[in-house]
PDB file of N, CA and C in Angstrom:
ATOM      1  N   MET A   1      -2.353  35.572  -6.525  1.00  0.00           N
ATOM      2  CA  MET A   1      -3.549  35.719  -5.596  1.00  0.00           C
ATOM      3  C   MET A   1      -4.831  35.061  -6.113  1.00  0.00           C
ATOM      4  N   THR A   2      -5.403  34.424  -5.268  1.00  0.00           N
ATOM      5  CA  THR A   2      -6.721  33.744  -5.777  1.00  0.00           C
ATOM      6  C   THR A   2      -7.805  34.498  -5.396  1.00  0.00           C
ATOM      7  N   ASP A   3      -8.707  34.749  -6.233  1.00  0.00           N
ATOM      8  CA  ASP A   3      -9.844  35.626  -5.617  1.00  0.00           C
ATOM      9  C   ASP A   3     -10.896  34.683  -4.836  1.00  0.00           C
ATOM     10  N   LEU A   4     -11.914  35.286  -4.375  1.00  0.00           N
ATOM     11  CA  LEU A   4     -12.740  34.757  -3.506  1.00  0.00           C
ATOM     12  C   LEU A   4     -13.623  33.579  -4.125  1.00  0.00           C
ATOM     13  N   ASN A   5     -13.995  33.880  -5.329  1.00  0.00           N
ATOM     14  CA  ASN A   5     -14.661  32.973  -6.046  1.00  0.00           C
ATOM     15  C   ASN A   5     -14.207  31.589  -6.259  1.00  0.00           C
ATOM     16  N   GLU A   6     -12.769  31.776  -6.606  1.00  0.00           N
ATOM     17  CA  GLU A   6     -11.999  30.466  -6.951  1.00  0.00           C
ATOM     18  C   GLU A   6     -11.705  29.792  -5.672  1.00  0.00           C
ATOM     19  N   THR A   7     -11.607  30.531  -4.493  1.00  0.00           N
ATOM     20  CA  THR A   7     -11.211  29.968  -3.382  1.00  0.00           C
ATOM     21  C   THR A   7     -12.545  29.163  -2.927  1.00  0.00           C
ATOM     22  N   THR A   8     -13.648  29.757  -2.933  1.00  0.00           N
ATOM     23  CA  THR A   8     -15.006  29.110  -2.623  1.00  0.00           C
ATOM     24  C   THR A   8     -15.190  27.821  -3.412  1.00  0.00           C
ATOM     25  N   HIS A   9     -15.007  28.033  -4.560  1.00  0.00           N
ATOM     26  CA  HIS A   9     -15.144  26.886  -5.705  1.00  0.00           C
ATOM     27  C   HIS A   9     -14.166  25.732  -5.307  1.00  0.00           C
ATOM     28  N   ASN A  10     -13.033  25.972  -4.926  1.00  0.00           N
ATOM     29  CA  ASN A  10     -12.108  24.947  -4.518  1.00  0.00           C
ATOM     30  C   ASN A  10     -12.580  24.161  -3.319  1.00  0.00           C
ATOM     31  N   LYS A  11     -13.074  25.128  -2.366  1.00  0.00           N
ATOM     32  CA  LYS A  11     -13.525  24.452  -1.017  1.00  0.00           C
ATOM     33  C   LYS A  11     -14.786  23.556  -1.387  1.00  0.00           C
ATOM     34  N   LEU A  12     -15.578  24.131  -2.223  1.00  0.00           N
ATOM     35  CA  LEU A  12     -16.604  23.184  -2.623  1.00  0.00           C
ATOM     36  C   LEU A  12     -16.290  21.778  -3.224  1.00  0.00           C
ATOM     37  N   ASP A  13     -15.280  21.927  -4.217  1.00  0.00           N
ATOM     38  CA  ASP A  13     -14.693  20.904  -4.950  1.00  0.00           C
ATOM     39  C   ASP A  13     -14.053  19.852  -3.884  1.00  0.00           C
ATOM     40  N   ASN A  14     -13.386  20.490  -2.950  1.00  0.00           N
ATOM     41  CA  ASN A  14     -12.735  19.490  -2.028  1.00  0.00           C
ATOM     42  C   ASN A  14     -13.918  18.895  -0.997  1.00  0.00           C
ATOM     43  N   GLN A  15     -15.016  19.584  -0.665  1.00  0.00           N
ATOM     44  CA  GLN A  15     -16.079  19.020   0.091  1.00  0.00           C
ATOM     45  C   GLN A  15     -16.763  17.888  -0.524  1.00  0.00           C
ATOM     46  N   GLU A  16     -17.033  18.217  -1.860  1.00  0.00           N
ATOM     47  CA  GLU A  16     -17.575  17.149  -2.697  1.00  0.00           C
ATOM     48  C   GLU A  16     -16.792  15.919  -2.813  1.00  0.00           C
ATOM     49  N   LEU A  17     -15.507  16.029  -2.974  1.00  0.00           N
ATOM     50  CA  LEU A  17     -14.541  14.865  -3.068  1.00  0.00           C
ATOM     51  C   LEU A  17     -14.545  14.291  -1.744  1.00  0.00           C
ATOM     52  N   THR A  18     -14.525  14.881  -0.761  1.00  0.00           N
ATOM     53  CA  THR A  18     -14.494  14.173   0.584  1.00  0.00           C
ATOM     54  C   THR A  18     -15.687  13.342   0.856  1.00  0.00           C
ATOM     55  N   ASP A  19     -16.967  14.144   0.410  1.00  0.00           N
ATOM     56  CA  ASP A  19     -18.203  13.429   0.801  1.00  0.00           C
ATOM     57  C   ASP A  19     -18.379  12.140  -0.128  1.00  0.00           C
ATOM     58  N   THR A  20     -17.732  12.360  -1.409  1.00  0.00           N
ATOM     59  CA  THR A  20     -17.758  11.096  -2.404  1.00  0.00           C
ATOM     60  C   THR A  20     -16.992  10.062  -1.802  1.00  0.00           C
ATOM     61  N   LEU A  21     -15.649  10.360  -1.313  1.00  0.00           N
ATOM     62  CA  LEU A  21     -14.751   9.548  -0.624  1.00  0.00           C
ATOM     63  C   LEU A  21     -15.484   8.625   0.394  1.00  0.00           C
ATOM     64  N   ILE A  22     -16.134   9.494   1.430  1.00  0.00           N
ATOM     65  CA  ILE A  22     -16.744   9.011   2.533  1.00  0.00           C
ATOM     66  C   ILE A  22     -17.942   8.043   2.122  1.00  0.00           C
ATOM     67  N   ASP A  23     -18.772   8.388   1.199  1.00  0.00           N
ATOM     68  CA  ASP A  23     -19.934   7.704   0.522  1.00  0.00           C
ATOM     69  C   ASP A  23     -19.299   6.328   0.099  1.00  0.00           C
ATOM     70  N   ASN A  24     -18.401   6.419  -0.462  1.00  0.00           N
ATOM     71  CA  ASN A  24     -17.776   5.143  -1.324  1.00  0.00           C
ATOM     72  C   ASN A  24     -16.988   4.225  -0.164  1.00  0.00           C
ATOM     73  N   ILE A  25     -16.522   4.759   0.726  1.00  0.00           N
ATOM     74  CA  ILE A  25     -15.987   3.922   1.815  1.00  0.00           C
ATOM     75  C   ILE A  25     -17.027   3.130   2.378  1.00  0.00           C
ATOM     76  N   CYS A  26     -18.156   3.838   3.045  1.00  0.00           N
ATOM     77  CA  CYS A  26     -19.460   3.403   3.685  1.00  0.00           C
ATOM     78  C   CYS A  26     -19.938   2.265   2.798  1.00  0.00           C
ATOM     79  N   ALA A  27     -19.938   2.507   1.466  1.00  0.00           N
ATOM     80  CA  ALA A  27     -20.614   1.564   0.662  1.00  0.00           C
ATOM     81  C   ALA A  27     -19.905   0.208   0.526  1.00  0.00           C
ATOM     82  N   GLN A  28     -18.353   0.483   0.455  1.00  0.00           N
ATOM     83  CA  GLN A  28     -17.720  -0.747   0.422  1.00  0.00           C
ATOM     84  C   GLN A  28     -17.671  -1.473   1.799  1.00  0.00           C
ATOM     85  N   LEU A  29     -17.669  -0.765   2.889  1.00  0.00           N
ATOM     86  CA  LEU A  29     -17.823  -1.303   4.343  1.00  0.00           C
ATOM     87  C   LEU A  29     -19.163  -2.253   4.264  1.00  0.00           C
ATOM     88  N   SER A  30     -20.215  -1.603   3.926  1.00  0.00           N
ATOM     89  CA  SER A  30     -21.465  -2.124   3.791  1.00  0.00           C
ATOM     90  C   SER A  30     -21.515  -3.603   3.090  1.00  0.00           C
ATOM     91  N   GLN A  31     -20.858  -3.535   1.690  1.00  0.00           N
ATOM     92  CA  GLN A  31     -20.795  -4.691   1.083  1.00  0.00           C
ATOM     93  C   GLN A  31     -20.030  -5.895   1.650  1.00  0.00           C
ATOM     94  N   ARG A  32     -19.038  -5.514   2.347  1.00  0.00           N
ATOM     95  CA  ARG A  32     -18.306  -6.454   3.102  1.00  0.00           C
ATOM     96  C   ARG A  32     -18.654  -6.804   4.373  1.00  0.00           C
ATOM     97  N   ASP A  33     -19.655  -6.130   5.053  1.00  0.00           N
ATOM     98  CA  ASP A  33     -20.196  -6.227   6.254  1.00  0.00           C
ATOM     99  C   ASP A  33     -18.968  -5.930   7.207  1.00  0.00           C
ATOM    100  N   TRP A  34     -18.228  -4.876   7.076  1.00  0.00           N
ATOM    101  CA  TRP A  34     -17.195  -4.692   7.881  1.00  0.00           C
ATOM    102  C   TRP A  34     -17.428  -3.493   8.817  1.00  0.00           C
ATOM    103  N   SER A  35     -17.003  -3.419   9.932  1.00  0.00           N
ATOM    104  CA  SER A  35     -16.840  -2.383  10.991  1.00  0.00           C
ATOM    105  C   SER A  35     -15.960  -1.357  10.605  1.00  0.00           C
ATOM    106  N   LEU A  36     -15.947  -0.308  11.280  1.00  0.00           N
ATOM    107  CA  LEU A  36     -14.834   0.730  11.097  1.00  0.00           C
ATOM    108  C   LEU A  36     -13.628   0.128  11.895  1.00  0.00           C
ATOM    109  N   LYS A  37     -13.863  -0.511  12.936  1.00  0.00           N
ATOM    110  CA  LYS A  37     -12.543  -1.283  13.414  1.00  0.00           C
ATOM    111  C   LYS A  37     -11.868  -2.184  12.501  1.00  0.00           C
ATOM    112  N   THR A  38     -12.696  -3.088  11.815  1.00  0.00           N
ATOM    113  CA  THR A  38     -12.093  -3.849  10.867  1.00  0.00           C
ATOM    114  C   THR A  38     -11.396  -3.243   9.719  1.00  0.00           C
ATOM    115  N   LEU A  39     -11.974  -2.080   9.247  1.00  0.00           N
ATOM    116  CA  LEU A  39     -11.171  -1.360   8.364  1.00  0.00           C
ATOM    117  C   LEU A  39     -10.057  -0.615   8.841  1.00  0.00           C
ATOM    118  N   ALA A  40      -9.905  -0.118   9.869  1.00  0.00           N
ATOM    119  CA  ALA A  40      -8.862   0.457  10.685  1.00  0.00           C
ATOM    120  C   ALA A  40      -7.733  -0.510  10.751  1.00  0.00           C
ATOM    121  N   ASP A  41      -8.102  -1.773  11.383  1.00  0.00           N
ATOM    122  CA  ASP A  41      -6.949  -2.725  11.460  1.00  0.00           C
ATOM    123  C   ASP A  41      -6.389  -3.222  10.165  1.00  0.00           C
ATOM    124  N   ARG A  42      -7.369  -3.401   9.125  1.00  0.00           N
ATOM    125  CA  ARG A  42      -6.785  -3.812   7.836  1.00  0.00           C
ATOM    126  C   ARG A  42      -6.124  -2.650   7.086  1.00  0.00           C
ATOM    127  N   ALA A  43      -6.402  -1.494   7.401  1.00  0.00           N
ATOM    128  CA  ALA A  43      -5.702  -0.372   6.709  1.00  0.00           C
ATOM    129  C   ALA A  43      -4.520  -0.124   7.559  1.00  0.00           C
ATOM    130  N   ASP A  44      -4.360  -0.639   8.649  1.00  0.00           N
ATOM    131  CA  ASP A  44      -3.140  -0.073   9.571  1.00  0.00           C
ATOM    132  C   ASP A  44      -3.185   1.323   9.941  1.00  0.00           C
ATOM    133  N   LEU A  45      -4.431   1.671  10.221  1.00  0.00           N
ATOM    134  CA  LEU A  45      -4.582   3.101  10.499  1.00  0.00           C
ATOM    135  C   LEU A  45      -5.415   3.165  11.957  1.00  0.00           C
ATOM    136  N   PRO A  46      -5.207   4.227  12.756  1.00  0.00           N
ATOM    137  CA  PRO A  46      -5.778   4.377  14.050  1.00  0.00           C
ATOM    138  C   PRO A  46      -7.224   4.439  13.889  1.00  0.00           C
ATOM    139  N   TYR A  47      -7.987   3.476  14.609  1.00  0.00           N
ATOM    140  CA  TYR A  47      -9.402   3.522  14.668  1.00  0.00           C
ATOM    141  C   TYR A  47     -10.007   4.936  14.707  1.00  0.00           C
ATOM    142  N   GLU A  48      -9.530   5.743  15.459  1.00  0.00           N
ATOM    143  CA  GLU A  48     -10.079   7.258  15.820  1.00  0.00           C
ATOM    144  C   GLU A  48      -9.973   7.970  14.381  1.00  0.00           C
ATOM    145  N   SER A  49      -8.986   7.793  13.786  1.00  0.00           N
ATOM    146  CA  SER A  49      -8.832   8.473  12.481  1.00  0.00           C
ATOM    147  C   SER A  49      -9.733   8.130  11.484  1.00  0.00           C
ATOM    148  N   VAL A  50     -10.008   6.701  11.416  1.00  0.00           N
ATOM    149  CA  VAL A  50     -10.991   6.252  10.475  1.00  0.00           C
ATOM    150  C   VAL A  50     -12.447   6.641  10.888  1.00  0.00           C
ATOM    151  N   LYS A  51     -12.531   6.599  12.163  1.00  0.00           N
ATOM    152  CA  LYS A  51     -13.983   6.952  12.624  1.00  0.00           C
ATOM    153  C   LYS A  51     -14.174   8.603  12.393  1.00  0.00           C
ATOM    154  N   LYS A  52     -13.171   9.512  12.545  1.00  0.00           N
ATOM    155  CA  LYS A  52     -13.291  10.833  12.440  1.00  0.00           C
ATOM    156  C   LYS A  52     -13.441  11.156  10.781  1.00  0.00           C
ATOM    157  N   LEU A  53     -12.867  10.308   9.939  1.00  0.00           N
ATOM    158  CA  LEU A  53     -13.020  10.685   8.466  1.00  0.00           C
ATOM    159  C   LEU A  53     -14.366  10.245   8.195  1.00  0.00           C
ATOM    160  N   VAL A  54     -14.878   9.104   8.580  1.00  0.00           N
ATOM    161  CA  VAL A  54     -16.311   8.808   8.083  1.00  0.00           C
ATOM    162  C   VAL A  54     -17.381   9.627   8.586  1.00  0.00           C
ATOM    163  N   ASN A  55     -17.031  10.258   9.775  1.00  0.00           N
ATOM    164  CA  ASN A  55     -18.086  11.097  10.499  1.00  0.00           C
ATOM    165  C   ASN A  55     -17.816  12.678  10.074  1.00  0.00           C
ATOM    166  N   HIS A  56     -17.019  12.889   9.053  1.00  0.00           N
ATOM    167  CA  HIS A  56     -16.858  14.192   8.562  1.00  0.00           C
ATOM    168  C   HIS A  56     -16.072  15.246   9.334  1.00  0.00           C
ATOM    169  N   LYS A  57     -15.199  14.616  10.296  1.00  0.00           N
ATOM    170  CA  LYS A  57     -14.552  15.543  11.162  1.00  0.00           C
ATOM    171  C   LYS A  57     -13.095  15.716  10.606  1.00  0.00           C
ATOM    172  N   ILE A  58     -12.724  15.098   9.502  1.00  0.00           N
ATOM    173  CA  ILE A  58     -11.473  15.282   8.881  1.00  0.00           C
ATOM    174  C   ILE A  58     -11.911  15.787   7.374  1.00  0.00           C
ATOM    175  N   GLN A  59     -11.528  17.012   7.145  1.00  0.00           N
ATOM    176  CA  GLN A  59     -12.085  17.554   5.826  1.00  0.00           C
ATOM    177  C   GLN A  59     -11.172  17.310   4.728  1.00  0.00           C
ATOM    178  N   ARG A  60      -9.810  17.052   5.101  1.00  0.00           N
ATOM    179  CA  ARG A  60      -8.952  16.795   4.009  1.00  0.00           C
ATOM    180  C   ARG A  60      -7.896  15.584   4.496  1.00  0.00           C
ATOM    181  N   PRO A  61      -8.557  14.355   4.170  1.00  0.00           N
ATOM    182  CA  PRO A  61      -7.738  13.328   4.522  1.00  0.00           C
ATOM    183  C   PRO A  61      -6.510  13.203   3.863  1.00  0.00           C
ATOM    184  N   SER A  62      -5.326  12.575   4.570  1.00  0.00           N
ATOM    185  CA  SER A  62      -3.919  12.410   3.730  1.00  0.00           C
ATOM    186  C   SER A  62      -4.100  11.388   2.625  1.00  0.00           C
ATOM    187  N   PHE A  63      -3.074  11.558   1.641  1.00  0.00           N
ATOM    188  CA  PHE A  63      -3.194  10.863   0.621  1.00  0.00           C
ATOM    189  C   PHE A  63      -2.707   9.340   1.107  1.00  0.00           C
ATOM    190  N   PHE A  64      -2.045   9.277   2.399  1.00  0.00           N
ATOM    191  CA  PHE A  64      -1.462   8.061   2.859  1.00  0.00           C
ATOM    192  C   PHE A  64      -2.682   7.397   3.260  1.00  0.00           C
ATOM    193  N   SER A  65      -3.546   7.979   3.961  1.00  0.00           N
ATOM    194  CA  SER A  65      -4.671   7.418   4.631  1.00  0.00           C
ATOM    195  C   SER A  65      -5.611   6.795   3.535  1.00  0.00           C
ATOM    196  N   ILE A  66      -5.835   7.662   2.348  1.00  0.00           N
ATOM    197  CA  ILE A  66      -6.648   7.214   1.415  1.00  0.00           C
ATOM    198  C   ILE A  66      -6.209   5.954   0.701  1.00  0.00           C
ATOM    199  N   TRP A  67      -4.767   5.905   0.459  1.00  0.00           N
ATOM    200  CA  TRP A  67      -4.138   4.675  -0.105  1.00  0.00           C
ATOM    201  C   TRP A  67      -4.219   3.616   0.742  1.00  0.00           C
ATOM    202  N   GLN A  68      -4.122   3.848   2.165  1.00  0.00           N
ATOM    203  CA  GLN A  68      -4.299   2.580   2.965  1.00  0.00           C
ATOM    204  C   GLN A  68      -5.564   2.098   2.993  1.00  0.00           C
ATOM    205  N   ILE A  69      -6.604   2.891   2.984  1.00  0.00           N
ATOM    206  CA  ILE A  69      -8.037   2.406   3.036  1.00  0.00           C
ATOM    207  C   ILE A  69      -8.277   1.687   1.650  1.00  0.00           C
ATOM    208  N   ALA A  70      -7.717   2.196   0.474  1.00  0.00           N
ATOM    209  CA  ALA A  70      -8.015   1.653  -0.850  1.00  0.00           C
ATOM    210  C   ALA A  70      -7.468   0.369  -0.824  1.00  0.00           C
ATOM    211  N   ASN A  71      -6.314   0.211  -0.369  1.00  0.00           N
ATOM    212  CA  ASN A  71      -5.581  -1.200  -0.220  1.00  0.00           C
ATOM    213  C   ASN A  71      -6.355  -2.075   0.495  1.00  0.00           C
ATOM    214  N   ALA A  72      -6.579  -1.673   1.671  1.00  0.00           N
ATOM    215  CA  ALA A  72      -7.459  -2.627   2.648  1.00  0.00           C
ATOM    216  C   ALA A  72      -8.803  -3.116   2.172  1.00  0.00           C
ATOM    217  N   LEU A  73      -9.446  -2.206   1.310  1.00  0.00           N
ATOM    218  CA  LEU A  73     -10.717  -2.485   0.510  1.00  0.00           C
ATOM    219  C   LEU A  73     -10.537  -3.083  -0.742  1.00  0.00           C
ATOM    220  N   GLY A  74      -9.204  -3.285  -1.285  1.00  0.00           N
ATOM    221  CA  GLY A  74      -8.976  -3.909  -2.358  1.00  0.00           C
ATOM    222  C   GLY A  74      -9.448  -3.216  -3.752  1.00  0.00           C
ATOM    223  N   CYS A  75      -9.377  -1.937  -3.599  1.00  0.00           N
ATOM    224  CA  CYS A  75      -9.896  -1.130  -4.744  1.00  0.00           C
ATOM    225  C   CYS A  75      -9.158  -0.146  -5.040  1.00  0.00           C
ATOM    226  N   SER A  76      -9.355   0.720  -6.033  1.00  0.00           N
ATOM    227  CA  SER A  76      -8.333   1.970  -6.477  1.00  0.00           C
ATOM    228  C   SER A  76      -8.809   3.096  -5.746  1.00  0.00           C
ATOM    229  N   MET A  77      -7.955   3.927  -5.627  1.00  0.00           N
ATOM    230  CA  MET A  77      -8.084   5.369  -5.153  1.00  0.00           C
ATOM    231  C   MET A  77      -9.001   6.030  -5.998  1.00  0.00           C
ATOM    232  N   ASP A  78      -9.070   5.866  -7.330  1.00  0.00           N
ATOM    233  CA  ASP A  78      -9.903   6.441  -8.174  1.00  0.00           C
ATOM    234  C   ASP A  78     -11.335   5.979  -7.906  1.00  0.00           C
ATOM    235  N   LYS A  79     -11.541   4.632  -7.521  1.00  0.00           N
ATOM    236  CA  LYS A  79     -12.881   4.151  -7.466  1.00  0.00           C
ATOM    237  C   LYS A  79     -13.408   4.954  -5.969  1.00  0.00           C
ATOM    238  N   LEU A  80     -12.670   4.964  -4.942  1.00  0.00           N
ATOM    239  CA  LEU A  80     -13.105   5.509  -3.856  1.00  0.00           C
ATOM    240  C   LEU A  80     -13.327   6.977  -3.987  1.00  0.00           C
ATOM    241  N   THR A  81     -12.582   7.771  -4.813  1.00  0.00           N
ATOM    242  CA  THR A  81     -12.955   9.114  -4.965  1.00  0.00           C
ATOM    243  C   THR A  81     -13.876   9.405  -6.019  1.00  0.00           C
ATOM    244  N   GLY A  82     -14.598   8.431  -6.572  1.00  0.00           N
ATOM    245  CA  GLY A  82     -15.479   8.532  -7.558  1.00  0.00           C
ATOM    246  C   GLY A  82     -15.063   8.841  -9.074  1.00  0.00           C
ATOM    247  N   ARG A  83     -13.866   8.846  -9.189  1.00  0.00           N
ATOM    248  CA  ARG A  83     -13.288   9.079 -10.550  1.00  0.00           C
ATOM    249  C   ARG A  83     -13.519   7.658 -11.375  1.00  0.00           C
ATOM    250  N   GLU A  84     -13.937   7.965 -12.641  1.00  0.00           N
ATOM    251  CA  GLU A  84     -14.095   6.699 -13.663  1.00  0.00           C
ATOM    252  C   GLU A  84     -12.691   6.212 -14.017  1.00  0.00           C
ATOM    253  N   ASP A  85     -12.684   4.744 -14.036  1.00  0.00           N
ATOM    254  CA  ASP A  85     -11.442   4.269 -14.609  1.00  0.00           C
ATOM    255  C   ASP A  85     -11.443   4.736 -16.091  1.00  0.00           C
ATOM    256  N   PRO A  86     -10.249   5.172 -16.417  1.00  0.00           N
ATOM    257  CA  PRO A  86     -10.346   5.646 -17.946  1.00  0.00           C
ATOM    258  C   PRO A  86     -10.435   4.572 -19.030  1.00  0.00           C
ATOM    259  N   SER A  87      -9.978   3.535 -18.653  1.00  0.00           N
ATOM    260  CA  SER A  87     -10.257   2.114 -19.481  1.00  0.00           C
ATOM    261  C   SER A  87     -11.711   1.859 -19.689  1.00  0.00           C
ATOM    262  N   ALA A  88     -12.546   2.030 -18.521  1.00  0.00           N
ATOM    263  CA  ALA A  88     -13.899   1.731 -18.554  1.00  0.00           C
ATOM    264  C   ALA A  88     -14.571   2.973 -19.374  1.00  0.00           C
ATOM    265  N   ALA A  89     -14.272   4.247 -19.155  1.00  0.00           N
ATOM    266  CA  ALA A  89     -14.754   5.348 -19.959  1.00  0.00           C
ATOM    267  C   ALA A  89     -14.503   5.059 -21.398  1.00  0.00           C
ATOM    268  N   ALA A  90     -13.386   4.635 -21.874  1.00  0.00           N
ATOM    269  CA  ALA A  90     -12.989   4.273 -23.141  1.00  0.00           C
ATOM    270  C   ALA A  90     -13.857   3.139 -23.834  1.00  0.00           C
ATOM    271  N   LEU A  91     -14.052   2.180 -23.043  1.00  0.00           N
ATOM    272  CA  LEU A  91     -14.852   0.920 -23.346  1.00  0.00           C
ATOM    273  C   LEU A  91     -16.291   1.499 -23.763  1.00  0.00           C
ATOM    274  N   HIS A  92     -16.746   2.178 -22.786  1.00  0.00           N
ATOM    275  CA  HIS A  92     -18.215   2.702 -22.942  1.00  0.00           C
ATOM    276  C   HIS A  92     -18.377   3.617 -24.169  1.00  0.00           C
ATOM    277  N   GLN A  93     -17.491   4.408 -24.472  1.00  0.00           N
ATOM    278  CA  GLN A  93     -17.478   5.336 -25.596  1.00  0.00           C
ATOM    279  C   GLN A  93     -17.433   4.570 -26.781  1.00  0.00           C
ATOM    280  N   ILE A  94     -16.658   3.498 -27.005  1.00  0.00           N
ATOM    281  CA  ILE A  94     -16.554   2.486 -28.152  1.00  0.00           C
ATOM    282  C   ILE A  94     -17.862   1.834 -28.321  1.00  0.00           C
ATOM    283  N   SER A  95     -18.380   1.453 -27.156  1.00  0.00           N
ATOM    284  CA  SER A  95     -19.751   0.677 -27.199  1.00  0.00           C
ATOM    285  C   SER A  95     -20.834   1.717 -27.761  1.00  0.00           C
ATOM    286  N   GLU A  96     -20.646   2.989 -27.381  1.00  0.00           N
ATOM    287  CA  GLU A  96     -21.865   3.777 -27.700  1.00  0.00           C
ATOM    288  C   GLU A  96     -21.570   4.188 -29.336  1.00  0.00           C
ATOM    289  N   ASN A  97     -20.399   4.246 -29.619  1.00  0.00           N
ATOM    290  CA  ASN A  97     -20.076   4.476 -31.201  1.00  0.00           C
ATOM    291  C   ASN A  97     -20.403   3.369 -31.894  1.00  0.00           C
ATOM    292  N   ALA A  98     -20.301   1.960 -31.476  1.00  0.00           N
ATOM    293  CA  ALA A  98     -20.643   0.862 -32.270  1.00  0.00           C
ATOM    294  C   ALA A  98     -21.982   0.746 -32.361  1.00  0.00           C
ATOM    295  N   SER A  99     -22.831   1.170 -31.349  1.00  0.00           N
ATOM    296  CA  SER A  99     -24.256   1.101 -31.264  1.00  0.00           C
ATOM    297  C   SER A  99     -24.783   2.158 -32.516  1.00  0.00           C
ATOM    298  N   GLU A 100     -24.149   3.327 -32.544  1.00  0.00           N
ATOM    299  CA  GLU A 100     -24.541   4.348 -33.549  1.00  0.00           C
ATOM    300  C   GLU A 100     -24.277   3.759 -35.016  1.00  0.00           C
ATOM    301  N   ILE A 101     -23.017   3.318 -35.006  1.00  0.00           N
ATOM    302  CA  ILE A 101     -22.779   2.727 -36.421  1.00  0.00           C
ATOM    303  C   ILE A 101     -23.662   1.634 -36.871  1.00  0.00           C
ATOM    304  N   TYR A 102     -23.843   0.843 -35.959  1.00  0.00           N
ATOM    305  CA  TYR A 102     -24.784  -0.397 -36.330  1.00  0.00           C
ATOM    306  C   TYR A 102     -26.231   0.190 -36.708  1.00  0.00           C
ATOM    307  N   HIS A 103     -26.721   1.103 -36.060  1.00  0.00           N
ATOM    308  CA  HIS A 103     -28.066   1.907 -36.452  1.00  0.00           C
ATOM    309  C   HIS A 103     -27.940   2.616 -37.752  1.00  0.00           C
ATOM    310  N   ILE A 104     -26.829   3.204 -38.143  1.00  0.00           N
ATOM    311  CA  ILE A 104     -26.605   3.867 -39.388  1.00  0.00           C
ATOM    312  C   ILE A 104     -26.617   2.773 -40.466  1.00  0.00           C
ATOM    313  N   LEU A 105     -25.929   1.736 -40.085  1.00  0.00           N
ATOM    314  CA  LEU A 105     -25.837   0.578 -41.279  1.00  0.00           C
ATOM    315  C   LEU A 105     -27.038  -0.094 -41.535  1.00  0.00           C
ATOM    316  N   MET A 106     -27.853  -0.248 -40.393  1.00  0.00           N
ATOM    317  CA  MET A 106     -29.139  -0.814 -40.594  1.00  0.00           C
ATOM    318  C   MET A 106     -30.342   0.066 -41.244  1.00  0.00           C
ATOM    319  N   ASP A 107     -30.024   1.326 -41.041  1.00  0.00           N
ATOM    320  CA  ASP A 107     -30.897   2.434 -42.000  1.00  0.00           C
ATOM    321  C   ASP A 107     -30.439   2.138 -43.236  1.00  0.00           C
ATOM    322  N   ILE A 108     -29.095   2.195 -43.675  1.00  0.00           N
ATOM    323  CA  ILE A 108     -28.721   2.187 -45.096  1.00  0.00           C
ATOM    324  C   ILE A 108     -29.389   0.780 -45.597  1.00  0.00           C
ATOM    325  N   GLU A 109     -29.259  -0.195 -44.966  1.00  0.00           N
ATOM    326  CA  GLU A 109     -29.562  -1.658 -45.349  1.00  0.00           C
ATOM    327  C   GLU A 109     -31.068  -1.454 -45.702  1.00  0.00           C
ATOM    328  N   ASN A 110     -31.875  -0.938 -44.830  1.00  0.00           N
ATOM    329  CA  ASN A 110     -33.380  -0.912 -45.006  1.00  0.00           C
ATOM    330  C   ASN A 110     -33.622  -0.079 -46.173  1.00  0.00           C
ATOM    331  N   ARG A 111     -32.910   1.059 -46.433  1.00  0.00           N
ATOM    332  CA  ARG A 111     -33.158   2.040 -47.458  1.00  0.00           C
ATOM    333  C   ARG A 111     -32.921   1.201 -48.651  1.00  0.00           C
ATOM    334  N   SER A 112     -31.771   0.537 -48.728  1.00  0.00           N
ATOM    335  CA  SER A 112     -31.400  -0.207 -50.128  1.00  0.00           C
ATOM    336  C   SER A 112     -32.391  -1.289 -50.294  1.00  0.00           C
ATOM    337  N   ASP A 113     -32.815  -1.956 -49.335  1.00  0.00           N
ATOM    338  CA  ASP A 113     -33.883  -2.979 -49.692  1.00  0.00           C
ATOM    339  C   ASP A 113     -35.084  -2.492 -50.071  1.00  0.00           C
ATOM    340  N   SER A 114     -35.592  -1.275 -49.548  1.00  0.00           N
ATOM    341  CA  SER A 114     -36.838  -0.627 -50.007  1.00  0.00           C
ATOM    342  C   SER A 114     -36.592  -0.148 -51.570  1.00  0.00           C
ATOM    343  N   MET A 115     -35.409   0.314 -51.940  1.00  0.00           N
ATOM    344  CA  MET A 115     -35.136   0.847 -53.320  1.00  0.00           C
ATOM    345  C   MET A 115     -35.254  -0.415 -54.322  1.00  0.00           C
ATOM    346  N   PHE A 116     -34.854  -1.604 -53.904  1.00  0.00           N
ATOM    347  CA  PHE A 116     -34.801  -2.725 -54.904  1.00  0.00           C
ATOM    348  C   PHE A 116     -36.012  -3.630 -54.862  1.00  0.00           C
ATOM    349  N   HIS A 117     -36.905  -3.468 -53.950  1.00  0.00           N
ATOM    350  CA  HIS A 117     -38.212  -4.202 -53.911  1.00  0.00           C
ATOM    351  C   HIS A 117     -39.251  -3.311 -54.170  1.00  0.00           C
TER     352      HIS A 117
END
C-alpha cells in the first residue's frame, strides 16, 4: 500500500513529465514550422488526440502516441521527455574531467617553472 506522500509525489512527477513532453513537442513544432495537423498526419495519430495532448487534456499519453510523435519528429523519446542522452552526459563528464586535469597540470608546470627560475 502506498502512502499519500508517495502518491502525491508520483502525480507531481507524472505532471512534470507530461509538461516537459508537451513543451518539447511544441518546441519541435515551432522549429519545423509545423501545425498540430501536420504532426498528427505524420505521426499517423488522430488530430484530436494530438490537440488534446498539447492542450493538457491528456494527463498520461500512451507509450504508442509518444513513440509515434517522436518518430514523426525524427527525435528520440528521451529527447521529448527531457531525458539526457547517456552518451552526451558521459561526453560532458569526460570534458569536465579533462578540463580539471588540464588546470592541475598547468598549475604543476607553473610551480615547477617558478622553482627552477
